[in-house]
Amino acid sequence: MVLTITNPLKELDKAADEATSKNYSPKPPAKGNSIAIDNIRQRLEVVYGENATLVTKQQGNRFKTILTCPAVPKFL
């Protein structure tokens, strides 16, 4: 199973950015987000070992997350 999630990054304060240029720059992800992402990676490792990955990256003004893990069978 592969799950891809993309989210826009917050823009810098408009007034502060206009002082330097007309283009808005995305804010980098907050440091606190790294703790949550690391926690998810650790949980995936406990359950799936090396069979699961969680990759995160910034692409332009978007934050992208790709989760890969074995499909879970449906239980009735």
C-alpha atoms as a PDB file:
ATOM      1  CA  MET A   1       0.000   0.000   0.000  1.00  0.00           C
ATOM      2  CA  VAL A   2       1.293   3.471  -0.857  1.00  0.00           C
ATOM      3  CA  LEU A   3      -0.344   6.586   0.546  1.00  0.00           C
ATOM      4  CA  THR A   4       0.747  10.043  -0.631  1.00  0.00           C
ATOM      5  CA  ILE A   5      -0.357  13.225   1.133  1.00  0.00           C
ATOM      6  CA  THR A   6       0.531  16.775   0.082  1.00  0.00           C
ATOM      7  CA  ASN A   7      -0.264  19.957   1.966  1.00  0.00           C
ATOM      8  CA  PRO A   8       0.477  23.598   1.219  1.00  0.00           C
ATOM      9  CA  LEU A   9       2.987  25.270   3.525  1.00  0.00           C
ATOM     10  CA  LYS A  10       1.973  28.423   5.373  1.00  0.00           C
ATOM     11  CA  GLU A  11       3.158  31.647   3.812  1.00  0.00           C
ATOM     12  CA  LEU A  12       5.309  34.082   5.723  1.00  0.00           C
ATOM     13  CA  ASP A  13       3.623  37.110   7.186  1.00  0.00           C
ATOM     14  CA  LYS A  14       2.525  39.141   4.157  1.00  0.00           C
ATOM     15  CA  ALA A  15       3.664  42.530   5.514  1.00  0.00           C
ATOM     16  CA  ALA A  16       7.105  41.245   6.528  1.00  0.00           C
ATOM     17  CA  ASP A  17       7.612  39.526   3.196  1.00  0.00           C
ATOM     18  CA  GLU A  18       6.545  42.572   1.154  1.00  0.00           C
ATOM     19  CA  ALA A  19       9.353  44.493   2.824  1.00  0.00           C
ATOM     20  CA  THR A  20      11.890  42.164   1.165  1.00  0.00           C
ATOM     21  CA  SER A  21      10.194  41.162  -2.106  1.00  0.00           C
ATOM     22  CA  LYS A  22       6.916  40.795  -3.942  1.00  0.00           C
ATOM     23  CA  ASN A  23       7.111  36.991  -3.813  1.00  0.00           C
ATOM     24  CA  TYR A  24       5.810  35.132  -0.778  1.00  0.00           C
ATOM     25  CA  SER A  25       8.016  32.445   0.748  1.00  0.00           C
ATOM     26  CA  PRO A  26       6.688  29.335   2.487  1.00  0.00           C
ATOM     27  CA  LYS A  27       7.407  28.855   6.159  1.00  0.00           C
ATOM     28  CA  PRO A  28       9.403  25.707   6.892  1.00  0.00           C
ATOM     29  CA  PRO A  29       7.512  23.010   8.819  1.00  0.00           C
ATOM     30  CA  ALA A  30       7.480  23.597  12.578  1.00  0.00           C
ATOM     31  CA  LYS A  31      10.115  21.722  14.621  1.00  0.00           C
ATOM     32  CA  GLY A  32       7.357  20.121  16.701  1.00  0.00           C
ATOM     33  CA  ASN A  33       6.153  18.302  13.587  1.00  0.00           C
ATOM     34  CA  SER A  34       9.405  16.323  13.507  1.00  0.00           C
ATOM     35  CA  ILE A  35       8.577  14.713  16.844  1.00  0.00           C
ATOM     36  CA  ALA A  36       5.223  13.459  15.552  1.00  0.00           C
ATOM     37  CA  ILE A  37       6.733  12.210  12.281  1.00  0.00           C
ATOM     38  CA  ASP A  38       9.529  10.397  14.150  1.00  0.00           C
ATOM     39  CA  ASN A  39       6.924   8.825  16.445  1.00  0.00           C
ATOM     40  CA  ILE A  40       4.974   7.525  13.427  1.00  0.00           C
ATOM     41  CA  ARG A  41       8.172   6.119  11.900  1.00  0.00           C
ATOM     42  CA  GLN A  42       8.955   4.286  15.156  1.00  0.00           C
ATOM     43  CA  ARG A  43       5.453   2.810  15.320  1.00  0.00           C
ATOM     44  CA  LEU A  44       5.678   1.633  11.719  1.00  0.00           C
ATOM     45  CA  GLU A  45       9.029  -0.012  12.453  1.00  0.00           C
ATOM     46  CA  VAL A  46       7.610  -1.855  15.470  1.00  0.00           C
ATOM     47  CA  VAL A  47       4.665  -3.213  13.467  1.00  0.00           C
ATOM     48  CA  TYR A  48       6.198  -3.733   9.986  1.00  0.00           C
ATOM     49  CA  GLY A  49       9.977  -3.659  10.487  1.00  0.00           C
ATOM     50  CA  GLU A  50      11.825  -2.798   7.281  1.00  0.00           C
ATOM     51  CA  ASN A  51       8.668  -3.387   5.214  1.00  0.00           C
ATOM     52  CA  ALA A  52       7.335   0.124   5.878  1.00  0.00           C
ATOM     53  CA  THR A  53       8.698   3.590   5.161  1.00  0.00           C
ATOM     54  CA  LEU A  54       7.592   7.136   5.824  1.00  0.00           C
ATOM     55  CA  VAL A  55       9.271   9.706   3.599  1.00  0.00           C
ATOM     56  CA  THR A  56       8.699  13.446   4.002  1.00  0.00           C
ATOM     57  CA  LYS A  57       9.988  16.277   1.847  1.00  0.00           C
ATOM     58  CA  GLN A  58       9.333  19.845   0.896  1.00  0.00           C
ATOM     59  CA  GLN A  59       8.668  20.495  -2.786  1.00  0.00           C
ATOM     60  CA  GLY A  60       8.363  24.209  -3.497  1.00  0.00           C
ATOM     61  CA  ASN A  61       5.523  25.509  -1.365  1.00  0.00           C
ATOM     62  CA  ARG A  62       4.136  22.029  -0.586  1.00  0.00           C
ATOM     63  CA  PHE A  63       4.971  19.437   2.069  1.00  0.00           C
ATOM     64  CA  LYS A  64       4.752  15.849   0.812  1.00  0.00           C
ATOM     65  CA  THR A  65       4.500  12.635   2.810  1.00  0.00           C
ATOM     66  CA  ILE A  66       4.709   9.152   1.302  1.00  0.00           C
ATOM     67  CA  LEU A  67       3.776   6.175   3.488  1.00  0.00           C
ATOM     68  CA  THR A  68       4.555   2.702   2.148  1.00  0.00           C
ATOM     69  CA  CYS A  69       3.572  -0.438   4.065  1.00  0.00           C
ATOM     70  CA  PRO A  70       2.166  -3.907   3.456  1.00  0.00           C
ATOM     71  CA  ALA A  71      -1.573  -3.994   2.787  1.00  0.00           C
ATOM     72  CA  VAL A  72      -3.555  -5.004   5.850  1.00  0.00           C
ATOM     73  CA  PRO A  73      -6.095  -7.790   5.190  1.00  0.00           C
ATOM     74  CA  LYS A  74      -9.690  -6.880   5.900  1.00  0.00           C
ATOM     75  CA  PHE A  75     -11.029  -8.642   8.986  1.00  0.00           C
ATOM     76  CA  LEU A  76     -14.713  -9.539   9.111  1.00  0.00           C
END
